[in-house]
């Protein structure tokens, strides 16, 4: 919803910035085998985007155009790529800065939580900034509240940990997440990543076996074969 609202706001300026001649229609045979029922709105926006790509234009209006394209199809990796090219262009014509881009990404975060292209773009932008942006952890937590098993978010979290040396603080955080939902496979996998990727403390395997044992009592009698905590403990034994 948030990305849609943001895109609609940008859409109002679309016709002012792009003349009717600045369009490049997609080639379609007279009788396509599997015609896709695009909306007129979507076809219009993509015709403009196709025109901009052919002209190899990198400008502030193209940057705004990518916002609209992404609002209609967040999985359009070309739109994200062109958006980054616009941000890389250091000219007076292009106003958007990286901190403003982070604000945009925060605004649409919940709406794009399961979009790989979104998290890849966010990672590249944060990497360019070189530090943890304001509200970064809050944004991730909000996304985790929506789905605490989202693969793309966990992958991004792993990258953040390695990039900014967050091993110890993340170990405390993952303990809380496991306590909140001991059945979350992703949380256990992330804990494994933390304790076995960095020397956080001594006797890692032994301590992790003890940690896993604390949760064995939480296995309900109706699910005695639930493998989660047992598998983690067995894996730690192999590490000894």
C-alpha atoms as a PDB file:
ATOM      1  CA  UNK A   1       0.000   0.000   0.000  1.00  0.00           C
ATOM      2  CA  UNK A   2       2.771   2.447   0.933  1.00  0.00           C
ATOM      3  CA  UNK A   3       4.666   1.926  -2.315  1.00  0.00           C
ATOM      4  CA  UNK A   4       1.412   2.334  -4.235  1.00  0.00           C
ATOM      5  CA  UNK A   5       0.577   5.641  -2.534  1.00  0.00           C
ATOM      6  CA  UNK A   6       4.098   6.919  -3.127  1.00  0.00           C
ATOM      7  CA  UNK A   7       3.894   5.900  -6.776  1.00  0.00           C
ATOM      8  CA  UNK A   8       0.507   7.555  -7.284  1.00  0.00           C
ATOM      9  CA  UNK A   9       1.854  10.812  -5.876  1.00  0.00           C
ATOM     10  CA  UNK A  10       4.686  10.658  -8.411  1.00  0.00           C
ATOM     11  CA  UNK A  11       2.291   9.625 -11.186  1.00  0.00           C
ATOM     12  CA  UNK A  12       0.544  12.992 -11.021  1.00  0.00           C
ATOM     13  CA  UNK A  13       3.686  14.650 -12.368  1.00  0.00           C
ATOM     14  CA  UNK A  14       4.392  12.012 -15.001  1.00  0.00           C
ATOM     15  CA  UNK A  15       2.572  13.626 -17.925  1.00  0.00           C
ATOM     16  CA  UNK A  16       4.128  17.005 -17.138  1.00  0.00           C
ATOM     17  CA  UNK A  17       7.668  15.639 -17.344  1.00  0.00           C
ATOM     18  CA  UNK A  18       7.307  13.311 -20.326  1.00  0.00           C
ATOM     19  CA  UNK A  19       5.796  14.420 -23.631  1.00  0.00           C
ATOM     20  CA  UNK A  20       3.528  12.083 -25.650  1.00  0.00           C
ATOM     21  CA  UNK A  21       6.380  11.560 -28.109  1.00  0.00           C
ATOM     22  CA  UNK A  22       8.631  10.173 -25.364  1.00  0.00           C
ATOM     23  CA  UNK A  23       7.234   6.661 -25.494  1.00  0.00           C
ATOM     24  CA  UNK A  24       8.525   3.357 -26.816  1.00  0.00           C
ATOM     25  CA  UNK A  25       5.879   0.658 -27.039  1.00  0.00           C
ATOM     26  CA  UNK A  26       6.703  -2.955 -26.394  1.00  0.00           C
ATOM     27  CA  UNK A  27       6.739  -5.097 -29.504  1.00  0.00           C
ATOM     28  CA  UNK A  28       3.777  -7.432 -29.601  1.00  0.00           C
ATOM     29  CA  UNK A  29       2.860  -9.795 -32.474  1.00  0.00           C
ATOM     30  CA  UNK A  30      -0.635  -9.497 -33.877  1.00  0.00           C
ATOM     31  CA  UNK A  31      -1.650 -12.782 -32.300  1.00  0.00           C
ATOM     32  CA  UNK A  32       0.530 -13.408 -29.229  1.00  0.00           C
ATOM     33  CA  UNK A  33       0.555 -16.949 -27.866  1.00  0.00           C
ATOM     34  CA  UNK A  34       0.010 -15.785 -24.290  1.00  0.00           C
ATOM     35  CA  UNK A  35      -1.038 -12.161 -24.143  1.00  0.00           C
ATOM     36  CA  UNK A  36      -0.560 -10.483 -20.755  1.00  0.00           C
ATOM     37  CA  UNK A  37      -3.416  -8.233 -19.671  1.00  0.00           C
ATOM     38  CA  UNK A  38      -1.407  -5.169 -18.663  1.00  0.00           C
ATOM     39  CA  UNK A  39      -3.395  -2.198 -17.430  1.00  0.00           C
ATOM     40  CA  UNK A  40      -3.255   0.962 -19.540  1.00  0.00           C
ATOM     41  CA  UNK A  41      -1.525   2.697 -16.642  1.00  0.00           C
ATOM     42  CA  UNK A  42       1.202   0.064 -16.513  1.00  0.00           C
ATOM     43  CA  UNK A  43       1.718   0.058 -20.291  1.00  0.00           C
ATOM     44  CA  UNK A  44       1.992   3.845 -20.346  1.00  0.00           C
ATOM     45  CA  UNK A  45       4.608   3.923 -17.584  1.00  0.00           C
ATOM     46  CA  UNK A  46       6.639   1.084 -19.103  1.00  0.00           C
ATOM     47  CA  UNK A  47       6.537   2.736 -22.538  1.00  0.00           C
ATOM     48  CA  UNK A  48       8.121   5.833 -20.997  1.00  0.00           C
ATOM     49  CA  UNK A  49      10.648   3.753 -19.068  1.00  0.00           C
ATOM     50  CA  UNK A  50      11.555   1.845 -22.233  1.00  0.00           C
ATOM     51  CA  UNK A  51      12.094   5.154 -24.020  1.00  0.00           C
ATOM     52  CA  UNK A  52      14.386   6.392 -21.224  1.00  0.00           C
ATOM     53  CA  UNK A  53      16.397   3.167 -21.331  1.00  0.00           C
ATOM     54  CA  UNK A  54      16.923   3.404 -25.084  1.00  0.00           C
ATOM     55  CA  UNK A  55      17.986   7.039 -24.748  1.00  0.00           C
ATOM     56  CA  UNK A  56      20.322   6.037 -21.899  1.00  0.00           C
ATOM     57  CA  UNK A  57      19.023   9.008 -19.941  1.00  0.00           C
ATOM     58  CA  UNK A  58      20.161   9.359 -16.334  1.00  0.00           C
ATOM     59  CA  UNK A  59      18.466  12.325 -14.679  1.00  0.00           C
ATOM     60  CA  UNK A  60      16.209  13.433 -11.846  1.00  0.00           C
ATOM     61  CA  UNK A  61      13.079  12.759 -13.888  1.00  0.00           C
ATOM     62  CA  UNK A  62      14.255   9.224 -14.646  1.00  0.00           C
ATOM     63  CA  UNK A  63      14.902   8.762 -10.925  1.00  0.00           C
ATOM     64  CA  UNK A  64      11.318   9.791 -10.233  1.00  0.00           C
ATOM     65  CA  UNK A  65      10.146   7.515 -13.042  1.00  0.00           C
ATOM     66  CA  UNK A  66      11.779   4.511 -11.363  1.00  0.00           C
ATOM     67  CA  UNK A  67       9.710   5.242  -8.254  1.00  0.00           C
ATOM     68  CA  UNK A  68       6.558   4.813 -10.318  1.00  0.00           C
ATOM     69  CA  UNK A  69       7.806   1.686 -12.098  1.00  0.00           C
ATOM     70  CA  UNK A  70       8.752   0.115  -8.760  1.00  0.00           C
ATOM     71  CA  UNK A  71       5.384   1.036  -7.249  1.00  0.00           C
ATOM     72  CA  UNK A  72       3.715  -0.936 -10.043  1.00  0.00           C
ATOM     73  CA  UNK A  73       6.211  -3.798 -10.127  1.00  0.00           C
ATOM     74  CA  UNK A  74       8.733  -3.939  -7.245  1.00  0.00           C
ATOM     75  CA  UNK A  75      10.377  -6.974  -8.822  1.00  0.00           C
ATOM     76  CA  UNK A  76      11.571  -4.965 -11.835  1.00  0.00           C
ATOM     77  CA  UNK A  77      15.322  -5.292 -11.269  1.00  0.00           C
ATOM     78  CA  UNK A  78      16.103  -2.953 -14.188  1.00  0.00           C
ATOM     79  CA  UNK A  79      14.225  -0.125 -12.463  1.00  0.00           C
ATOM     80  CA  UNK A  80      16.251  -0.622  -9.269  1.00  0.00           C
ATOM     81  CA  UNK A  81      19.478  -0.693 -11.279  1.00  0.00           C
ATOM     82  CA  UNK A  82      18.646   2.528 -13.140  1.00  0.00           C
ATOM     83  CA  UNK A  83      17.644   4.117  -9.832  1.00  0.00           C
ATOM     84  CA  UNK A  84      21.130   3.423  -8.464  1.00  0.00           C
ATOM     85  CA  UNK A  85      22.726   4.847 -11.609  1.00  0.00           C
ATOM     86  CA  UNK A  86      20.745   8.037 -11.031  1.00  0.00           C
ATOM     87  CA  UNK A  87      21.914   8.206  -7.422  1.00  0.00           C
ATOM     88  CA  UNK A  88      25.525   7.703  -8.550  1.00  0.00           C
ATOM     89  CA  UNK A  89      25.321  10.661 -10.933  1.00  0.00           C
ATOM     90  CA  UNK A  90      26.825  13.698  -9.236  1.00  0.00           C
ATOM     91  CA  UNK A  91      25.238  16.626 -11.068  1.00  0.00           C
ATOM     92  CA  UNK A  92      23.186  19.674  -9.979  1.00  0.00           C
ATOM     93  CA  UNK A  93      20.265  18.234 -11.971  1.00  0.00           C
ATOM     94  CA  UNK A  94      19.908  15.285  -9.629  1.00  0.00           C
ATOM     95  CA  UNK A  95      18.757  16.211  -6.156  1.00  0.00           C
ATOM     96  CA  UNK A  96      18.172  12.888  -4.354  1.00  0.00           C
ATOM     97  CA  UNK A  97      20.835  11.923  -1.846  1.00  0.00           C
ATOM     98  CA  UNK A  98      21.524   8.604  -0.180  1.00  0.00           C
ATOM     99  CA  UNK A  99      19.932   9.625   3.116  1.00  0.00           C
ATOM    100  CA  UNK A 100      16.740  10.532   1.250  1.00  0.00           C
ATOM    101  CA  UNK A 101      16.849   7.168  -0.495  1.00  0.00           C
ATOM    102  CA  UNK A 102      16.994   5.432   2.893  1.00  0.00           C
ATOM    103  CA  UNK A 103      13.907   7.372   3.986  1.00  0.00           C
ATOM    104  CA  UNK A 104      12.108   6.150   0.883  1.00  0.00           C
ATOM    105  CA  UNK A 105      13.200   2.570   1.551  1.00  0.00           C
ATOM    106  CA  UNK A 106      11.990   2.822   5.144  1.00  0.00           C
ATOM    107  CA  UNK A 107       8.650   4.181   3.964  1.00  0.00           C
ATOM    108  CA  UNK A 108       7.964   1.224   1.666  1.00  0.00           C
ATOM    109  CA  UNK A 109       9.738  -1.428   3.795  1.00  0.00           C
ATOM    110  CA  UNK A 110       6.693  -3.369   4.984  1.00  0.00           C
ATOM    111  CA  UNK A 111       5.171  -3.334   1.520  1.00  0.00           C
ATOM    112  CA  UNK A 112       8.327  -4.798  -0.034  1.00  0.00           C
ATOM    113  CA  UNK A 113       9.469  -7.108   2.763  1.00  0.00           C
ATOM    114  CA  UNK A 114       9.522 -10.175   0.512  1.00  0.00           C
ATOM    115  CA  UNK A 115      10.983  -8.507  -2.565  1.00  0.00           C
ATOM    116  CA  UNK A 116      14.573  -9.636  -3.132  1.00  0.00           C
ATOM    117  CA  UNK A 117      15.377  -6.611  -5.325  1.00  0.00           C
ATOM    118  CA  UNK A 118      14.403  -4.293  -2.471  1.00  0.00           C
ATOM    119  CA  UNK A 119      16.821  -5.850   0.028  1.00  0.00           C
ATOM    120  CA  UNK A 120      19.607  -6.046  -2.553  1.00  0.00           C
ATOM    121  CA  UNK A 121      19.140  -2.354  -3.336  1.00  0.00           C
ATOM    122  CA  UNK A 122      19.044  -1.469   0.367  1.00  0.00           C
ATOM    123  CA  UNK A 123      22.282  -3.345   0.961  1.00  0.00           C
ATOM    124  CA  UNK A 124      24.060  -1.495  -1.854  1.00  0.00           C
ATOM    125  CA  UNK A 125      22.817   1.887  -0.618  1.00  0.00           C
ATOM    126  CA  UNK A 126      23.849   1.233   2.989  1.00  0.00           C
ATOM    127  CA  UNK A 127      27.217   0.032   1.732  1.00  0.00           C
ATOM    128  CA  UNK A 128      27.675   3.330  -0.128  1.00  0.00           C
ATOM    129  CA  UNK A 129      26.753   5.281   3.001  1.00  0.00           C
ATOM    130  CA  UNK A 130      29.338   3.315   4.966  1.00  0.00           C
ATOM    131  CA  UNK A 131      27.527   3.460   8.312  1.00  0.00           C
ATOM    132  CA  UNK A 132      24.301   2.231   9.874  1.00  0.00           C
ATOM    133  CA  UNK A 133      21.512   4.643   8.880  1.00  0.00           C
ATOM    134  CA  UNK A 134      19.103   6.052  11.502  1.00  0.00           C
ATOM    135  CA  UNK A 135      16.131   3.800  12.301  1.00  0.00           C
ATOM    136  CA  UNK A 136      17.770   0.842  10.543  1.00  0.00           C
ATOM    137  CA  UNK A 137      17.134  -1.622  13.367  1.00  0.00           C
ATOM    138  CA  UNK A 138      13.632  -0.300  13.930  1.00  0.00           C
ATOM    139  CA  UNK A 139      12.803  -0.841  10.254  1.00  0.00           C
ATOM    140  CA  UNK A 140      14.101  -4.412  10.371  1.00  0.00           C
ATOM    141  CA  UNK A 141      12.206  -5.171  13.570  1.00  0.00           C
ATOM    142  CA  UNK A 142       8.984  -3.910  12.041  1.00  0.00           C
ATOM    143  CA  UNK A 143       9.564  -6.212   9.091  1.00  0.00           C
ATOM    144  CA  UNK A 144      10.292  -9.144  11.403  1.00  0.00           C
ATOM    145  CA  UNK A 145       7.017  -8.500  13.197  1.00  0.00           C
ATOM    146  CA  UNK A 146       5.270  -9.084   9.882  1.00  0.00           C
ATOM    147  CA  UNK A 147       7.186 -12.275   9.075  1.00  0.00           C
ATOM    148  CA  UNK A 148      10.012 -13.526  11.296  1.00  0.00           C
ATOM    149  CA  UNK A 149      11.016 -16.217   8.778  1.00  0.00           C
ATOM    150  CA  UNK A 150      11.601 -13.984   5.782  1.00  0.00           C
ATOM    151  CA  UNK A 151      14.724 -15.314   4.059  1.00  0.00           C
ATOM    152  CA  UNK A 152      15.659 -12.011   2.415  1.00  0.00           C
ATOM    153  CA  UNK A 153      15.602 -10.146   5.737  1.00  0.00           C
ATOM    154  CA  UNK A 154      17.747 -12.749   7.475  1.00  0.00           C
ATOM    155  CA  UNK A 155      20.264 -12.615   4.639  1.00  0.00           C
ATOM    156  CA  UNK A 156      20.378  -8.828   4.905  1.00  0.00           C
ATOM    157  CA  UNK A 157      20.799  -9.094   8.678  1.00  0.00           C
ATOM    158  CA  UNK A 158      23.778 -11.438   8.195  1.00  0.00           C
ATOM    159  CA  UNK A 159      25.385  -8.953   5.847  1.00  0.00           C
ATOM    160  CA  UNK A 160      24.816  -6.101   8.328  1.00  0.00           C
ATOM    161  CA  UNK A 161      26.444  -8.119  11.102  1.00  0.00           C
ATOM    162  CA  UNK A 162      29.554  -8.828   9.064  1.00  0.00           C
ATOM    163  CA  UNK A 163      29.770  -5.334   7.599  1.00  0.00           C
ATOM    164  CA  UNK A 164      29.462  -3.425  10.877  1.00  0.00           C
ATOM    165  CA  UNK A 165      30.867  -5.988  13.352  1.00  0.00           C
ATOM    166  CA  UNK A 166      27.619  -6.490  15.253  1.00  0.00           C
ATOM    167  CA  UNK A 167      28.373 -10.018  16.499  1.00  0.00           C
ATOM    168  CA  UNK A 168      27.927  -9.491  20.247  1.00  0.00           C
ATOM    169  CA  UNK A 169      24.865  -7.257  20.080  1.00  0.00           C
ATOM    170  CA  UNK A 170      23.245  -9.610  17.578  1.00  0.00           C
ATOM    171  CA  UNK A 171      23.855 -12.589  19.866  1.00  0.00           C
ATOM    172  CA  UNK A 172      21.783 -10.888  22.553  1.00  0.00           C
ATOM    173  CA  UNK A 173      19.104 -10.005  20.043  1.00  0.00           C
ATOM    174  CA  UNK A 174      18.823 -13.517  18.610  1.00  0.00           C
ATOM    175  CA  UNK A 175      18.478 -14.977  22.088  1.00  0.00           C
ATOM    176  CA  UNK A 176      15.396 -12.796  22.591  1.00  0.00           C
ATOM    177  CA  UNK A 177      13.995 -13.830  19.212  1.00  0.00           C
ATOM    178  CA  UNK A 178      14.422 -17.527  20.041  1.00  0.00           C
ATOM    179  CA  UNK A 179      12.797 -17.018  23.438  1.00  0.00           C
ATOM    180  CA  UNK A 180       9.901 -15.315  21.716  1.00  0.00           C
ATOM    181  CA  UNK A 181       9.487 -18.068  19.106  1.00  0.00           C
ATOM    182  CA  UNK A 182      11.583 -21.202  19.782  1.00  0.00           C
ATOM    183  CA  UNK A 183      10.117 -22.858  16.676  1.00  0.00           C
ATOM    184  CA  UNK A 184      11.644 -20.341  14.301  1.00  0.00           C
ATOM    185  CA  UNK A 185      14.129 -22.303  12.181  1.00  0.00           C
ATOM    186  CA  UNK A 186      15.543 -19.095  10.742  1.00  0.00           C
ATOM    187  CA  UNK A 187      16.424 -17.780  14.193  1.00  0.00           C
ATOM    188  CA  UNK A 188      18.312 -20.964  15.077  1.00  0.00           C
ATOM    189  CA  UNK A 189      20.166 -20.878  11.764  1.00  0.00           C
ATOM    190  CA  UNK A 190      21.130 -17.269  12.394  1.00  0.00           C
ATOM    191  CA  UNK A 191      22.393 -18.112  15.891  1.00  0.00           C
ATOM    192  CA  UNK A 192      24.552 -20.833  14.351  1.00  0.00           C
ATOM    193  CA  UNK A 193      25.924 -18.274  11.887  1.00  0.00           C
ATOM    194  CA  UNK A 194      26.791 -15.926  14.762  1.00  0.00           C
ATOM    195  CA  UNK A 195      28.486 -18.322  17.170  1.00  0.00           C
ATOM    196  CA  UNK A 196      30.431 -20.345  14.624  1.00  0.00           C
ATOM    197  CA  UNK A 197      31.474 -17.481  12.344  1.00  0.00           C
ATOM    198  CA  UNK A 198      33.126 -15.333  15.014  1.00  0.00           C
ATOM    199  CA  UNK A 199      35.000 -16.105  18.217  1.00  0.00           C
ATOM    200  CA  UNK A 200      32.379 -14.567  20.496  1.00  0.00           C
ATOM    201  CA  UNK A 201      33.212 -16.791  23.467  1.00  0.00           C
ATOM    202  CA  UNK A 202      35.221 -19.919  24.324  1.00  0.00           C
ATOM    203  CA  UNK A 203      33.941 -23.521  24.207  1.00  0.00           C
ATOM    204  CA  UNK A 204      31.303 -22.537  21.701  1.00  0.00           C
ATOM    205  CA  UNK A 205      30.031 -26.049  20.971  1.00  0.00           C
ATOM    206  CA  UNK A 206      29.650 -27.020  24.634  1.00  0.00           C
ATOM    207  CA  UNK A 207      27.876 -23.803  25.521  1.00  0.00           C
ATOM    208  CA  UNK A 208      25.565 -24.055  22.529  1.00  0.00           C
ATOM    209  CA  UNK A 209      24.576 -27.608  23.492  1.00  0.00           C
ATOM    210  CA  UNK A 210      23.582 -26.292  26.914  1.00  0.00           C
ATOM    211  CA  UNK A 211      21.684 -23.454  25.272  1.00  0.00           C
ATOM    212  CA  UNK A 212      19.761 -25.872  23.041  1.00  0.00           C
ATOM    213  CA  UNK A 213      18.987 -28.166  25.988  1.00  0.00           C
ATOM    214  CA  UNK A 214      17.120 -25.336  27.705  1.00  0.00           C
ATOM    215  CA  UNK A 215      14.548 -25.460  24.922  1.00  0.00           C
ATOM    216  CA  UNK A 216      14.074 -29.227  24.822  1.00  0.00           C
ATOM    217  CA  UNK A 217      11.560 -28.914  27.656  1.00  0.00           C
ATOM    218  CA  UNK A 218       9.434 -26.697  25.423  1.00  0.00           C
ATOM    219  CA  UNK A 219       8.714 -29.526  23.005  1.00  0.00           C
ATOM    220  CA  UNK A 220       5.047 -30.344  23.437  1.00  0.00           C
ATOM    221  CA  UNK A 221       4.024 -33.921  24.068  1.00  0.00           C
ATOM    222  CA  UNK A 222       2.030 -33.819  20.825  1.00  0.00           C
ATOM    223  CA  UNK A 223       5.180 -33.148  18.795  1.00  0.00           C
ATOM    224  CA  UNK A 224       7.888 -35.348  20.383  1.00  0.00           C
ATOM    225  CA  UNK A 225       9.806 -35.709  17.157  1.00  0.00           C
ATOM    226  CA  UNK A 226      10.136 -32.000  16.489  1.00  0.00           C
ATOM    227  CA  UNK A 227      13.776 -31.846  15.303  1.00  0.00           C
ATOM    228  CA  UNK A 228      14.631 -28.182  15.716  1.00  0.00           C
ATOM    229  CA  UNK A 229      16.441 -27.980  19.076  1.00  0.00           C
ATOM    230  CA  UNK A 230      17.668 -31.589  18.866  1.00  0.00           C
ATOM    231  CA  UNK A 231      19.205 -31.001  15.435  1.00  0.00           C
ATOM    232  CA  UNK A 232      20.948 -27.879  16.683  1.00  0.00           C
ATOM    233  CA  UNK A 233      22.390 -29.734  19.686  1.00  0.00           C
ATOM    234  CA  UNK A 234      23.554 -32.633  17.505  1.00  0.00           C
ATOM    235  CA  UNK A 235      25.243 -30.228  15.122  1.00  0.00           C
ATOM    236  CA  UNK A 236      27.072 -28.596  18.044  1.00  0.00           C
ATOM    237  CA  UNK A 237      28.231 -32.032  19.223  1.00  0.00           C
ATOM    238  CA  UNK A 238      29.801 -32.588  15.812  1.00  0.00           C
ATOM    239  CA  UNK A 239      31.675 -29.315  16.226  1.00  0.00           C
ATOM    240  CA  UNK A 240      33.306 -30.470  19.481  1.00  0.00           C
END
